[in-house]
Amino acid sequence: MVNMATLDGELSPEEETMLKRFAHRLDITETEYKEVLKNPKSFPLDPPNSAEERLERMHDLFQIIYADHKIDEEERRLIEKYAIGLGYSTEQAHKLIERSVEIYSKGFSFEDYRYLINKKN
């Protein structure tokens, strides 16, 4: 996530606040967090090979984001970068995030999420 946040240069205060929130929710210690910030390239995003695993990572991230039952613009921007880093095209990432926001505003399990994402309208 830090790699995604720093793609456009330095971390903004909003990005840093959000990353701290993610670190807290993922039980990452302050020491570990500082180490990642110091050298984010040592912790690369390793995209999974299967579509199922990519979708599961997106689901996990949305669970973290929706722990407070909302998504703000900074979170949306970062999760879109993350989706692209996982291998989704820009268009796919945008559609996935729009659909995920719609789904997660109601709260779902991974099985429900997978079904609803893959369901054709």
PDB file of N, CA and C in Angstrom:
ATOM      1  N   MET A   1       0.828  -1.190   0.000  1.00  0.00           N
ATOM      2  CA  MET A   1       0.000   0.000   0.000  1.00  0.00           C
ATOM      3  C   MET A   1       0.873   1.255   0.000  1.00  0.00           C
ATOM      4  N   VAL A   2       1.972   1.211   0.736  1.00  0.00           N
ATOM      5  CA  VAL A   2       2.849   2.371   0.769  1.00  0.00           C
ATOM      6  C   VAL A   2       3.423   2.621  -0.626  1.00  0.00           C
ATOM      7  N   ASN A   3       3.801   1.553  -1.313  1.00  0.00           N
ATOM      8  CA  ASN A   3       4.305   1.714  -2.675  1.00  0.00           C
ATOM      9  C   ASN A   3       3.272   2.396  -3.561  1.00  0.00           C
ATOM     10  N   MET A   4       2.027   2.000  -3.439  1.00  0.00           N
ATOM     11  CA  MET A   4       0.972   2.597  -4.247  1.00  0.00           C
ATOM     12  C   MET A   4       0.793   4.069  -3.890  1.00  0.00           C
ATOM     13  N   ALA A   5       0.848   4.385  -2.615  1.00  0.00           N
ATOM     14  CA  ALA A   5       0.644   5.766  -2.165  1.00  0.00           C
ATOM     15  C   ALA A   5       1.783   6.680  -2.606  1.00  0.00           C
ATOM     16  N   THR A   6       2.978   6.115  -2.758  1.00  0.00           N
ATOM     17  CA  THR A   6       4.130   6.951  -3.100  1.00  0.00           C
ATOM     18  C   THR A   6       4.434   6.964  -4.594  1.00  0.00           C
ATOM     19  N   LEU A   7       3.593   6.380  -5.406  1.00  0.00           N
ATOM     20  CA  LEU A   7       3.830   6.369  -6.853  1.00  0.00           C
ATOM     21  C   LEU A   7       3.947   7.773  -7.433  1.00  0.00           C
ATOM     22  N   ASP A   8       3.183   8.696  -6.891  1.00  0.00           N
ATOM     23  CA  ASP A   8       3.200  10.054  -7.419  1.00  0.00           C
ATOM     24  C   ASP A   8       4.105  10.981  -6.611  1.00  0.00           C
ATOM     25  N   GLY A   9       5.057  10.423  -5.889  1.00  0.00           N
ATOM     26  CA  GLY A   9       5.998  11.231  -5.116  1.00  0.00           C
ATOM     27  C   GLY A   9       5.856  11.000  -3.634  1.00  0.00           C
ATOM     28  N   GLU A  10       5.981  12.069  -2.874  1.00  0.00           N
ATOM     29  CA  GLU A  10       5.903  12.015  -1.419  1.00  0.00           C
ATOM     30  C   GLU A  10       4.488  11.686  -0.943  1.00  0.00           C
ATOM     31  N   LEU A  11       4.427  11.143   0.272  1.00  0.00           N
ATOM     32  CA  LEU A  11       3.129  10.892   0.894  1.00  0.00           C
ATOM     33  C   LEU A  11       2.500  12.207   1.316  1.00  0.00           C
ATOM     34  N   SER A  12       1.234  12.368   0.986  1.00  0.00           N
ATOM     35  CA  SER A  12       0.513  13.538   1.475  1.00  0.00           C
ATOM     36  C   SER A  12       0.109  13.257   2.923  1.00  0.00           C
ATOM     37  N   PRO A  13      -0.203  14.294   3.692  1.00  0.00           N
ATOM     38  CA  PRO A  13      -0.665  14.063   5.069  1.00  0.00           C
ATOM     39  C   PRO A  13      -1.900  13.154   5.112  1.00  0.00           C
ATOM     40  N   GLU A  14      -2.790  13.296   4.138  1.00  0.00           N
ATOM     41  CA  GLU A  14      -3.991  12.453   4.093  1.00  0.00           C
ATOM     42  C   GLU A  14      -3.625  10.997   3.850  1.00  0.00           C
ATOM     43  N   GLU A  15      -2.691  10.763   2.931  1.00  0.00           N
ATOM     44  CA  GLU A  15      -2.257   9.394   2.651  1.00  0.00           C
ATOM     45  C   GLU A  15      -1.588   8.777   3.875  1.00  0.00           C
ATOM     46  N   GLU A  16      -0.765   9.555   4.549  1.00  0.00           N
ATOM     47  CA  GLU A  16      -0.091   9.037   5.736  1.00  0.00           C
ATOM     48  C   GLU A  16      -1.102   8.694   6.833  1.00  0.00           C
ATOM     49  N   THR A  17      -2.092   9.527   7.016  1.00  0.00           N
ATOM     50  CA  THR A  17      -3.134   9.246   8.001  1.00  0.00           C
ATOM     51  C   THR A  17      -3.860   7.952   7.662  1.00  0.00           C
ATOM     52  N   MET A  18      -4.194   7.792   6.390  1.00  0.00           N
ATOM     53  CA  MET A  18      -4.889   6.594   5.964  1.00  0.00           C
ATOM     54  C   MET A  18      -4.007   5.357   6.142  1.00  0.00           C
ATOM     55  N   LEU A  19      -2.733   5.451   5.780  1.00  0.00           N
ATOM     56  CA  LEU A  19      -1.830   4.313   5.936  1.00  0.00           C
ATOM     57  C   LEU A  19      -1.673   3.927   7.404  1.00  0.00           C
ATOM     58  N   LYS A  20      -1.621   4.917   8.273  1.00  0.00           N
ATOM     59  CA  LYS A  20      -1.554   4.619   9.710  1.00  0.00           C
ATOM     60  C   LYS A  20      -2.811   3.878  10.165  1.00  0.00           C
ATOM     61  N   ARG A  21      -3.947   4.295   9.630  1.00  0.00           N
ATOM     62  CA  ARG A  21      -5.199   3.622   9.965  1.00  0.00           C
ATOM     63  C   ARG A  21      -5.173   2.173   9.486  1.00  0.00           C
ATOM     64  N   PHE A  22      -4.691   1.937   8.247  1.00  0.00           N
ATOM     65  CA  PHE A  22      -4.572   0.571   7.739  1.00  0.00           C
ATOM     66  C   PHE A  22      -3.608  -0.238   8.598  1.00  0.00           C
ATOM     67  N   ALA A  23      -2.484   0.355   8.953  1.00  0.00           N
ATOM     68  CA  ALA A  23      -1.498  -0.344   9.777  1.00  0.00           C
ATOM     69  C   ALA A  23      -2.112  -0.761  11.106  1.00  0.00           C
ATOM     70  N   HIS A  24      -2.866   0.128  11.709  1.00  0.00           N
ATOM     71  CA  HIS A  24      -3.523  -0.194  12.978  1.00  0.00           C
ATOM     72  C   HIS A  24      -4.501  -1.359  12.807  1.00  0.00           C
ATOM     73  N   ARG A  25      -5.313  -1.312  11.742  1.00  0.00           N
ATOM     74  CA  ARG A  25      -6.299  -2.372  11.505  1.00  0.00           C
ATOM     75  C   ARG A  25      -5.647  -3.704  11.166  1.00  0.00           C
ATOM     76  N   LEU A  26      -4.426  -3.668  10.620  1.00  0.00           N
ATOM     77  CA  LEU A  26      -3.709  -4.897  10.262  1.00  0.00           C
ATOM     78  C   LEU A  26      -2.747  -5.346  11.359  1.00  0.00           C
ATOM     79  N   ASP A  27      -2.823  -4.705  12.518  1.00  0.00           N
ATOM     80  CA  ASP A  27      -1.959  -5.014  13.659  1.00  0.00           C
ATOM     81  C   ASP A  27      -0.475  -4.901  13.328  1.00  0.00           C
ATOM     82  N   ILE A  28      -0.119  -3.873  12.580  1.00  0.00           N
ATOM     83  CA  ILE A  28       1.276  -3.587  12.260  1.00  0.00           C
ATOM     84  C   ILE A  28       1.792  -2.635  13.335  1.00  0.00           C
ATOM     85  N   THR A  29       2.905  -2.994  13.953  1.00  0.00           N
ATOM     86  CA  THR A  29       3.451  -2.175  15.033  1.00  0.00           C
ATOM     87  C   THR A  29       4.000  -0.858  14.480  1.00  0.00           C
ATOM     88  N   GLU A  30       4.195   0.091  15.362  1.00  0.00           N
ATOM     89  CA  GLU A  30       4.761   1.391  14.977  1.00  0.00           C
ATOM     90  C   GLU A  30       6.156   1.209  14.379  1.00  0.00           C
ATOM     91  N   THR A  31       6.944   0.304  14.966  1.00  0.00           N
ATOM     92  CA  THR A  31       8.290   0.028  14.456  1.00  0.00           C
ATOM     93  C   THR A  31       8.227  -0.545  13.046  1.00  0.00           C
ATOM     94  N   GLU A  32       7.337  -1.510  12.823  1.00  0.00           N
ATOM     95  CA  GLU A  32       7.182  -2.099  11.486  1.00  0.00           C
ATOM     96  C   GLU A  32       6.706  -1.041  10.490  1.00  0.00           C
ATOM     97  N   TYR A  33       5.773  -0.218  10.925  1.00  0.00           N
ATOM     98  CA  TYR A  33       5.240   0.837  10.066  1.00  0.00           C
ATOM     99  C   TYR A  33       6.353   1.796   9.634  1.00  0.00           C
ATOM    100  N   LYS A  34       7.187   2.210  10.573  1.00  0.00           N
ATOM    101  CA  LYS A  34       8.284   3.129  10.262  1.00  0.00           C
ATOM    102  C   LYS A  34       9.284   2.485   9.304  1.00  0.00           C
ATOM    103  N   GLU A  35       9.524   1.191   9.473  1.00  0.00           N
ATOM    104  CA  GLU A  35      10.440   0.474   8.591  1.00  0.00           C
ATOM    105  C   GLU A  35       9.903   0.443   7.153  1.00  0.00           C
ATOM    106  N   VAL A  36       8.615   0.212   7.010  1.00  0.00           N
ATOM    107  CA  VAL A  36       7.995   0.195   5.683  1.00  0.00           C
ATOM    108  C   VAL A  36       8.067   1.580   5.056  1.00  0.00           C
ATOM    109  N   LEU A  37       7.784   2.612   5.839  1.00  0.00           N
ATOM    110  CA  LEU A  37       7.860   3.980   5.313  1.00  0.00           C
ATOM    111  C   LEU A  37       9.277   4.350   4.904  1.00  0.00           C
ATOM    112  N   LYS A  38      10.257   3.881   5.687  1.00  0.00           N
ATOM    113  CA  LYS A  38      11.648   4.209   5.412  1.00  0.00           C
ATOM    114  C   LYS A  38      12.108   3.595   4.082  1.00  0.00           C
ATOM    115  N   ASN A  39      11.653   2.376   3.805  1.00  0.00           N
ATOM    116  CA  ASN A  39      12.103   1.689   2.601  1.00  0.00           C
ATOM    117  C   ASN A  39      10.954   0.895   1.975  1.00  0.00           C
ATOM    118  N   PRO A  40       9.973   1.577   1.372  1.00  0.00           N
ATOM    119  CA  PRO A  40       8.801   0.872   0.840  1.00  0.00           C
ATOM    120  C   PRO A  40       9.121  -0.106  -0.276  1.00  0.00           C
ATOM    121  N   LYS A  41      10.209   0.102  -1.000  1.00  0.00           N
ATOM    122  CA  LYS A  41      10.557  -0.802  -2.100  1.00  0.00           C
ATOM    123  C   LYS A  41      10.982  -2.184  -1.587  1.00  0.00           C
ATOM    124  N   SER A  42      11.306  -2.274  -0.304  1.00  0.00           N
ATOM    125  CA  SER A  42      11.646  -3.574   0.291  1.00  0.00           C
ATOM    126  C   SER A  42      10.398  -4.422   0.523  1.00  0.00           C
ATOM    127  N   PHE A  43       9.236  -3.825   0.350  1.00  0.00           N
ATOM    128  CA  PHE A  43       7.971  -4.507   0.579  1.00  0.00           C
ATOM    129  C   PHE A  43       7.094  -4.367  -0.672  1.00  0.00           C
ATOM    130  N   PRO A  44       7.510  -4.988  -1.778  1.00  0.00           N
ATOM    131  CA  PRO A  44       6.776  -4.803  -3.035  1.00  0.00           C
ATOM    132  C   PRO A  44       5.418  -5.497  -3.022  1.00  0.00           C
ATOM    133  N   LEU A  45       4.535  -4.985  -3.861  1.00  0.00           N
ATOM    134  CA  LEU A  45       3.243  -5.615  -4.079  1.00  0.00           C
ATOM    135  C   LEU A  45       3.496  -6.825  -4.965  1.00  0.00           C
ATOM    136  N   ASP A  46       3.137  -7.994  -4.494  1.00  0.00           N
ATOM    137  CA  ASP A  46       3.337  -9.220  -5.247  1.00  0.00           C
ATOM    138  C   ASP A  46       1.975  -9.688  -5.736  1.00  0.00           C
ATOM    139  N   PRO A  47       1.583  -9.279  -6.957  1.00  0.00           N
ATOM    140  CA  PRO A  47       0.239  -9.617  -7.423  1.00  0.00           C
ATOM    141  C   PRO A  47       0.046 -11.119  -7.593  1.00  0.00           C
ATOM    142  N   PRO A  48      -1.080 -11.624  -7.139  1.00  0.00           N
ATOM    143  CA  PRO A  48      -1.371 -13.047  -7.308  1.00  0.00           C
ATOM    144  C   PRO A  48      -1.598 -13.377  -8.786  1.00  0.00           C
ATOM    145  N   ASN A  49      -1.415 -14.645  -9.125  1.00  0.00           N
ATOM    146  CA  ASN A  49      -1.577 -15.088 -10.507  1.00  0.00           C
ATOM    147  C   ASN A  49      -3.034 -15.292 -10.900  1.00  0.00           C
ATOM    148  N   SER A  50      -3.869 -15.664  -9.956  1.00  0.00           N
ATOM    149  CA  SER A  50      -5.249 -15.988 -10.318  1.00  0.00           C
ATOM    150  C   SER A  50      -6.193 -14.810 -10.072  1.00  0.00           C
ATOM    151  N   ALA A  51      -7.228 -14.766 -10.895  1.00  0.00           N
ATOM    152  CA  ALA A  51      -8.260 -13.734 -10.741  1.00  0.00           C
ATOM    153  C   ALA A  51      -8.943 -13.874  -9.388  1.00  0.00           C
ATOM    154  N   GLU A  52      -9.123 -15.099  -8.936  1.00  0.00           N
ATOM    155  CA  GLU A  52      -9.770 -15.357  -7.640  1.00  0.00           C
ATOM    156  C   GLU A  52      -8.957 -14.739  -6.503  1.00  0.00           C
ATOM    157  N   GLU A  53      -7.639 -14.930  -6.533  1.00  0.00           N
ATOM    158  CA  GLU A  53      -6.786 -14.378  -5.474  1.00  0.00           C
ATOM    159  C   GLU A  53      -6.743 -12.848  -5.527  1.00  0.00           C
ATOM    160  N   ARG A  54      -6.722 -12.285  -6.728  1.00  0.00           N
ATOM    161  CA  ARG A  54      -6.753 -10.815  -6.855  1.00  0.00           C
ATOM    162  C   ARG A  54      -8.049 -10.264  -6.258  1.00  0.00           C
ATOM    163  N   LEU A  55      -9.153 -10.925  -6.597  1.00  0.00           N
ATOM    164  CA  LEU A  55     -10.439 -10.479  -6.080  1.00  0.00           C
ATOM    165  C   LEU A  55     -10.492 -10.622  -4.562  1.00  0.00           C
ATOM    166  N   GLU A  56      -9.895 -11.691  -4.054  1.00  0.00           N
ATOM    167  CA  GLU A  56      -9.874 -11.891  -2.603  1.00  0.00           C
ATOM    168  C   GLU A  56      -9.071 -10.793  -1.909  1.00  0.00           C
ATOM    169  N   ARG A  57      -7.976 -10.356  -2.518  1.00  0.00           N
ATOM    170  CA  ARG A  57      -7.196  -9.246  -1.945  1.00  0.00           C
ATOM    171  C   ARG A  57      -8.005  -7.955  -1.942  1.00  0.00           C
ATOM    172  N   MET A  58      -8.750  -7.727  -3.013  1.00  0.00           N
ATOM    173  CA  MET A  58      -9.602  -6.536  -3.053  1.00  0.00           C
ATOM    174  C   MET A  58     -10.669  -6.620  -1.961  1.00  0.00           C
ATOM    175  N   HIS A  59     -11.247  -7.786  -1.805  1.00  0.00           N
ATOM    176  CA  HIS A  59     -12.256  -8.002  -0.764  1.00  0.00           C
ATOM    177  C   HIS A  59     -11.661  -7.688   0.615  1.00  0.00           C
ATOM    178  N   ASP A  60     -10.463  -8.216   0.881  1.00  0.00           N
ATOM    179  CA  ASP A  60      -9.816  -7.976   2.175  1.00  0.00           C
ATOM    180  C   ASP A  60      -9.593  -6.482   2.406  1.00  0.00           C
ATOM    181  N   LEU A  61      -9.161  -5.786   1.372  1.00  0.00           N
ATOM    182  CA  LEU A  61      -8.923  -4.352   1.510  1.00  0.00           C
ATOM    183  C   LEU A  61     -10.226  -3.597   1.739  1.00  0.00           C
ATOM    184  N   PHE A  62     -11.279  -3.982   1.038  1.00  0.00           N
ATOM    185  CA  PHE A  62     -12.566  -3.326   1.260  1.00  0.00           C
ATOM    186  C   PHE A  62     -13.099  -3.600   2.659  1.00  0.00           C
ATOM    187  N   GLN A  63     -12.830  -4.765   3.203  1.00  0.00           N
ATOM    188  CA  GLN A  63     -13.243  -5.032   4.582  1.00  0.00           C
ATOM    189  C   GLN A  63     -12.555  -4.064   5.538  1.00  0.00           C
ATOM    190  N   ILE A  64     -11.284  -3.798   5.299  1.00  0.00           N
ATOM    191  CA  ILE A  64     -10.545  -2.855   6.139  1.00  0.00           C
ATOM    192  C   ILE A  64     -11.126  -1.457   5.981  1.00  0.00           C
ATOM    193  N   ILE A  65     -11.301  -1.047   4.736  1.00  0.00           N
ATOM    194  CA  ILE A  65     -11.808   0.305   4.479  1.00  0.00           C
ATOM    195  C   ILE A  65     -13.199   0.488   5.080  1.00  0.00           C
ATOM    196  N   TYR A  66     -14.041  -0.503   4.933  1.00  0.00           N
ATOM    197  CA  TYR A  66     -15.416  -0.372   5.389  1.00  0.00           C
ATOM    198  C   TYR A  66     -15.614  -0.721   6.868  1.00  0.00           C
ATOM    199  N   ALA A  67     -14.532  -0.881   7.605  1.00  0.00           N
ATOM    200  CA  ALA A  67     -14.661  -1.105   9.046  1.00  0.00           C
ATOM    201  C   ALA A  67     -15.384   0.061   9.705  1.00  0.00           C
ATOM    202  N   ASP A  68     -15.237   1.261   9.123  1.00  0.00           N
ATOM    203  CA  ASP A  68     -15.943   2.439   9.654  1.00  0.00           C
ATOM    204  C   ASP A  68     -17.184   2.774   8.815  1.00  0.00           C
ATOM    205  N   HIS A  69     -17.593   1.831   7.944  1.00  0.00           N
ATOM    206  CA  HIS A  69     -18.829   1.923   7.152  1.00  0.00           C
ATOM    207  C   HIS A  69     -18.856   3.061   6.133  1.00  0.00           C
ATOM    208  N   LYS A  70     -17.671   3.480   5.661  1.00  0.00           N
ATOM    209  CA  LYS A  70     -17.623   4.531   4.642  1.00  0.00           C
ATOM    210  C   LYS A  70     -16.287   4.464   3.923  1.00  0.00           C
ATOM    211  N   ILE A  71     -16.226   5.113   2.777  1.00  0.00           N
ATOM    212  CA  ILE A  71     -14.982   5.238   2.019  1.00  0.00           C
ATOM    213  C   ILE A  71     -14.850   6.703   1.622  1.00  0.00           C
ATOM    214  N   ASP A  72     -13.674   7.268   1.852  1.00  0.00           N
ATOM    215  CA  ASP A  72     -13.474   8.657   1.462  1.00  0.00           C
ATOM    216  C   ASP A  72     -12.691   8.696   0.146  1.00  0.00           C
ATOM    217  N   GLU A  73     -12.526   9.874  -0.403  1.00  0.00           N
ATOM    218  CA  GLU A  73     -11.884  10.015  -1.716  1.00  0.00           C
ATOM    219  C   GLU A  73     -10.431   9.546  -1.703  1.00  0.00           C
ATOM    220  N   GLU A  74      -9.714   9.812  -0.629  1.00  0.00           N
ATOM    221  CA  GLU A  74      -8.315   9.377  -0.539  1.00  0.00           C
ATOM    222  C   GLU A  74      -8.228   7.855  -0.521  1.00  0.00           C
ATOM    223  N   GLU A  75      -9.131   7.204   0.214  1.00  0.00           N
ATOM    224  CA  GLU A  75      -9.162   5.742   0.228  1.00  0.00           C
ATOM    225  C   GLU A  75      -9.509   5.205  -1.157  1.00  0.00           C
ATOM    226  N   ARG A  76     -10.456   5.828  -1.801  1.00  0.00           N
ATOM    227  CA  ARG A  76     -10.874   5.406  -3.144  1.00  0.00           C
ATOM    228  C   ARG A  76      -9.702   5.531  -4.127  1.00  0.00           C
ATOM    229  N   ARG A  77      -8.982   6.625  -4.044  1.00  0.00           N
ATOM    230  CA  ARG A  77      -7.842   6.843  -4.935  1.00  0.00           C
ATOM    231  C   ARG A  77      -6.760   5.791  -4.696  1.00  0.00           C
ATOM    232  N   LEU A  78      -6.464   5.503  -3.426  1.00  0.00           N
ATOM    233  CA  LEU A  78      -5.427   4.534  -3.102  1.00  0.00           C
ATOM    234  C   LEU A  78      -5.847   3.115  -3.492  1.00  0.00           C
ATOM    235  N   ILE A  79      -7.089   2.767  -3.263  1.00  0.00           N
ATOM    236  CA  ILE A  79      -7.532   1.418  -3.605  1.00  0.00           C
ATOM    237  C   ILE A  79      -7.548   1.222  -5.120  1.00  0.00           C
ATOM    238  N   GLU A  80      -7.784   2.292  -5.867  1.00  0.00           N
ATOM    239  CA  GLU A  80      -7.726   2.176  -7.325  1.00  0.00           C
ATOM    240  C   GLU A  80      -6.289   1.906  -7.773  1.00  0.00           C
ATOM    241  N   LYS A  81      -5.323   2.600  -7.170  1.00  0.00           N
ATOM    242  CA  LYS A  81      -3.915   2.332  -7.471  1.00  0.00           C
ATOM    243  C   LYS A  81      -3.567   0.886  -7.112  1.00  0.00           C
ATOM    244  N   TYR A  82      -4.072   0.428  -5.987  1.00  0.00           N
ATOM    245  CA  TYR A  82      -3.812  -0.938  -5.530  1.00  0.00           C
ATOM    246  C   TYR A  82      -4.384  -1.945  -6.525  1.00  0.00           C
ATOM    247  N   ALA A  83      -5.597  -1.718  -6.990  1.00  0.00           N
ATOM    248  CA  ALA A  83      -6.233  -2.622  -7.954  1.00  0.00           C
ATOM    249  C   ALA A  83      -5.411  -2.685  -9.240  1.00  0.00           C
ATOM    250  N   ILE A  84      -4.932  -1.546  -9.697  1.00  0.00           N
ATOM    251  CA  ILE A  84      -4.091  -1.523 -10.901  1.00  0.00           C
ATOM    252  C   ILE A  84      -2.785  -2.274 -10.639  1.00  0.00           C
ATOM    253  N   GLY A  85      -2.228  -2.099  -9.440  1.00  0.00           N
ATOM    254  CA  GLY A  85      -1.018  -2.828  -9.062  1.00  0.00           C
ATOM    255  C   GLY A  85      -1.228  -4.334  -9.022  1.00  0.00           C
ATOM    256  N   LEU A  86      -2.451  -4.755  -8.744  1.00  0.00           N
ATOM    257  CA  LEU A  86      -2.777  -6.186  -8.730  1.00  0.00           C
ATOM    258  C   LEU A  86      -2.959  -6.754 -10.135  1.00  0.00           C
ATOM    259  N   GLY A  87      -3.042  -5.872 -11.131  1.00  0.00           N
ATOM    260  CA  GLY A  87      -3.147  -6.355 -12.500  1.00  0.00           C
ATOM    261  C   GLY A  87      -4.433  -6.000 -13.222  1.00  0.00           C
ATOM    262  N   TYR A  88      -5.336  -5.282 -12.573  1.00  0.00           N
ATOM    263  CA  TYR A  88      -6.546  -4.829 -13.250  1.00  0.00           C
ATOM    264  C   TYR A  88      -6.204  -3.631 -14.136  1.00  0.00           C
ATOM    265  N   SER A  89      -6.863  -3.514 -15.285  1.00  0.00           N
ATOM    266  CA  SER A  89      -6.676  -2.321 -16.112  1.00  0.00           C
ATOM    267  C   SER A  89      -7.324  -1.142 -15.381  1.00  0.00           C
ATOM    268  N   THR A  90      -7.044   0.056 -15.828  1.00  0.00           N
ATOM    269  CA  THR A  90      -7.638   1.242 -15.209  1.00  0.00           C
ATOM    270  C   THR A  90      -9.157   1.170 -15.269  1.00  0.00           C
ATOM    271  N   GLU A  91      -9.680   0.773 -16.420  1.00  0.00           N
ATOM    272  CA  GLU A  91     -11.131   0.666 -16.579  1.00  0.00           C
ATOM    273  C   GLU A  91     -11.707  -0.419 -15.675  1.00  0.00           C
ATOM    274  N   GLN A  92     -11.052  -1.586 -15.636  1.00  0.00           N
ATOM    275  CA  GLN A  92     -11.522  -2.673 -14.771  1.00  0.00           C
ATOM    276  C   GLN A  92     -11.482  -2.250 -13.308  1.00  0.00           C
ATOM    277  N   ALA A  93     -10.393  -1.582 -12.918  1.00  0.00           N
ATOM    278  CA  ALA A  93     -10.252  -1.136 -11.530  1.00  0.00           C
ATOM    279  C   ALA A  93     -11.374  -0.174 -11.163  1.00  0.00           C
ATOM    280  N   HIS A  94     -11.653   0.770 -12.051  1.00  0.00           N
ATOM    281  CA  HIS A  94     -12.709   1.740 -11.788  1.00  0.00           C
ATOM    282  C   HIS A  94     -14.065   1.038 -11.613  1.00  0.00           C
ATOM    283  N   LYS A  95     -14.391   0.131 -12.530  1.00  0.00           N
ATOM    284  CA  LYS A  95     -15.665  -0.604 -12.448  1.00  0.00           C
ATOM    285  C   LYS A  95     -15.722  -1.460 -11.195  1.00  0.00           C
ATOM    286  N   LEU A  96     -14.617  -2.148 -10.878  1.00  0.00           N
ATOM    287  CA  LEU A  96     -14.567  -3.001  -9.688  1.00  0.00           C
ATOM    288  C   LEU A  96     -14.792  -2.182  -8.424  1.00  0.00           C
ATOM    289  N   ILE A  97     -14.178  -1.025  -8.360  1.00  0.00           N
ATOM    290  CA  ILE A  97     -14.307  -0.188  -7.167  1.00  0.00           C
ATOM    291  C   ILE A  97     -15.714   0.379  -7.055  1.00  0.00           C
ATOM    292  N   GLU A  98     -16.269   0.848  -8.164  1.00  0.00           N
ATOM    293  CA  GLU A  98     -17.646   1.356  -8.134  1.00  0.00           C
ATOM    294  C   GLU A  98     -18.610   0.272  -7.642  1.00  0.00           C
ATOM    295  N   ARG A  99     -18.473  -0.914  -8.195  1.00  0.00           N
ATOM    296  CA  ARG A  99     -19.355  -2.022  -7.811  1.00  0.00           C
ATOM    297  C   ARG A  99     -19.101  -2.437  -6.359  1.00  0.00           C
ATOM    298  N   SER A 100     -17.837  -2.434  -5.958  1.00  0.00           N
ATOM    299  CA  SER A 100     -17.488  -2.810  -4.588  1.00  0.00           C
ATOM    300  C   SER A 100     -18.040  -1.822  -3.577  1.00  0.00           C
ATOM    301  N   VAL A 101     -17.972  -0.541  -3.888  1.00  0.00           N
ATOM    302  CA  VAL A 101     -18.525   0.473  -2.986  1.00  0.00           C
ATOM    303  C   VAL A 101     -20.022   0.236  -2.826  1.00  0.00           C
ATOM    304  N   GLU A 102     -20.683  -0.034  -3.933  1.00  0.00           N
ATOM    305  CA  GLU A 102     -22.117  -0.327  -3.899  1.00  0.00           C
ATOM    306  C   GLU A 102     -22.398  -1.550  -3.014  1.00  0.00           C
ATOM    307  N   ILE A 103     -21.597  -2.589  -3.171  1.00  0.00           N
ATOM    308  CA  ILE A 103     -21.779  -3.828  -2.398  1.00  0.00           C
ATOM    309  C   ILE A 103     -21.417  -3.616  -0.928  1.00  0.00           C
ATOM    310  N   TYR A 104     -20.249  -3.016  -0.678  1.00  0.00           N
ATOM    311  CA  TYR A 104     -19.770  -2.899   0.698  1.00  0.00           C
ATOM    312  C   TYR A 104     -20.533  -1.905   1.539  1.00  0.00           C
ATOM    313  N   SER A 105     -21.239  -1.011   0.921  1.00  0.00           N
ATOM    314  CA  SER A 105     -22.046  -0.099   1.722  1.00  0.00           C
ATOM    315  C   SER A 105     -23.155  -0.868   2.436  1.00  0.00           C
ATOM    316  N   LYS A 106     -23.376  -2.117   1.993  1.00  0.00           N
ATOM    317  CA  LYS A 106     -24.366  -2.986   2.634  1.00  0.00           C
ATOM    318  C   LYS A 106     -23.724  -4.071   3.496  1.00  0.00           C
ATOM    319  N   GLY A 107     -22.441  -4.418   3.268  1.00  0.00           N
ATOM    320  CA  GLY A 107     -21.721  -5.428   4.046  1.00  0.00           C
ATOM    321  C   GLY A 107     -22.012  -6.843   3.567  1.00  0.00           C
ATOM    322  N   PHE A 108     -20.955  -7.552   3.105  1.00  0.00           N
ATOM    323  CA  PHE A 108     -21.112  -8.887   2.544  1.00  0.00           C
ATOM    324  C   PHE A 108     -19.920  -9.765   2.880  1.00  0.00           C
ATOM    325  N   SER A 109     -20.135 -11.087   2.809  1.00  0.00           N
ATOM    326  CA  SER A 109     -19.050 -12.046   2.937  1.00  0.00           C
ATOM    327  C   SER A 109     -18.297 -12.114   1.612  1.00  0.00           C
ATOM    328  N   PHE A 110     -17.153 -12.796   1.592  1.00  0.00           N
ATOM    329  CA  PHE A 110     -16.394 -12.925   0.355  1.00  0.00           C
ATOM    330  C   PHE A 110     -17.192 -13.677  -0.707  1.00  0.00           C
ATOM    331  N   GLU A 111     -17.893 -14.723  -0.326  1.00  0.00           N
ATOM    332  CA  GLU A 111     -18.684 -15.494  -1.294  1.00  0.00           C
ATOM    333  C   GLU A 111     -19.761 -14.618  -1.933  1.00  0.00           C
ATOM    334  N   ASP A 112     -20.442 -13.830  -1.105  1.00  0.00           N
ATOM    335  CA  ASP A 112     -21.448 -12.902  -1.629  1.00  0.00           C
ATOM    336  C   ASP A 112     -20.798 -11.862  -2.535  1.00  0.00           C
ATOM    337  N   TYR A 113     -19.654 -11.362  -2.103  1.00  0.00           N
ATOM    338  CA  TYR A 113     -18.919 -10.357  -2.876  1.00  0.00           C
ATOM    339  C   TYR A 113     -18.533 -10.916  -4.245  1.00  0.00           C
ATOM    340  N   ARG A 114     -17.930 -12.090  -4.268  1.00  0.00           N
ATOM    341  CA  ARG A 114     -17.514 -12.711  -5.525  1.00  0.00           C
ATOM    342  C   ARG A 114     -18.713 -12.898  -6.448  1.00  0.00           C
ATOM    343  N   TYR A 115     -19.807 -13.396  -5.903  1.00  0.00           N
ATOM    344  CA  TYR A 115     -21.011 -13.615  -6.708  1.00  0.00           C
ATOM    345  C   TYR A 115     -21.513 -12.293  -7.298  1.00  0.00           C
ATOM    346  N   LEU A 116     -21.605 -11.259  -6.465  1.00  0.00           N
ATOM    347  CA  LEU A 116     -22.148  -9.991  -6.929  1.00  0.00           C
ATOM    348  C   LEU A 116     -21.220  -9.277  -7.915  1.00  0.00           C
ATOM    349  N   ILE A 117     -19.912  -9.387  -7.706  1.00  0.00           N
ATOM    350  CA  ILE A 117     -18.965  -8.778  -8.649  1.00  0.00           C
ATOM    351  C   ILE A 117     -19.077  -9.453 -10.009  1.00  0.00           C
ATOM    352  N   ASN A 118     -19.189 -10.766 -10.020  1.00  0.00           N
ATOM    353  CA  ASN A 118     -19.211 -11.527 -11.276  1.00  0.00           C
ATOM    354  C   ASN A 118     -20.576 -11.578 -11.923  1.00  0.00           C
ATOM    355  N   LYS A 119     -21.623 -11.203 -11.198  1.00  0.00           N
ATOM    356  CA  LYS A 119     -22.977 -11.244 -11.729  1.00  0.00           C
ATOM    357  C   LYS A 119     -23.127 -10.225 -12.860  1.00  0.00           C
ATOM    358  N   LYS A 120     -23.673 -10.666 -13.931  1.00  0.00           N
ATOM    359  CA  LYS A 120     -23.938  -9.766 -15.058  1.00  0.00           C
ATOM    360  C   LYS A 120     -25.276  -9.099 -14.846  1.00  0.00           C
ATOM    361  N   ASN A 121     -25.341  -7.790 -15.058  1.00  0.00           N
ATOM    362  CA  ASN A 121     -26.596  -7.049 -14.857  1.00  0.00           C
ATOM    363  C   ASN A 121     -27.618  -7.375 -15.917  1.00  0.00           C
TER     364      ASN A 121
END
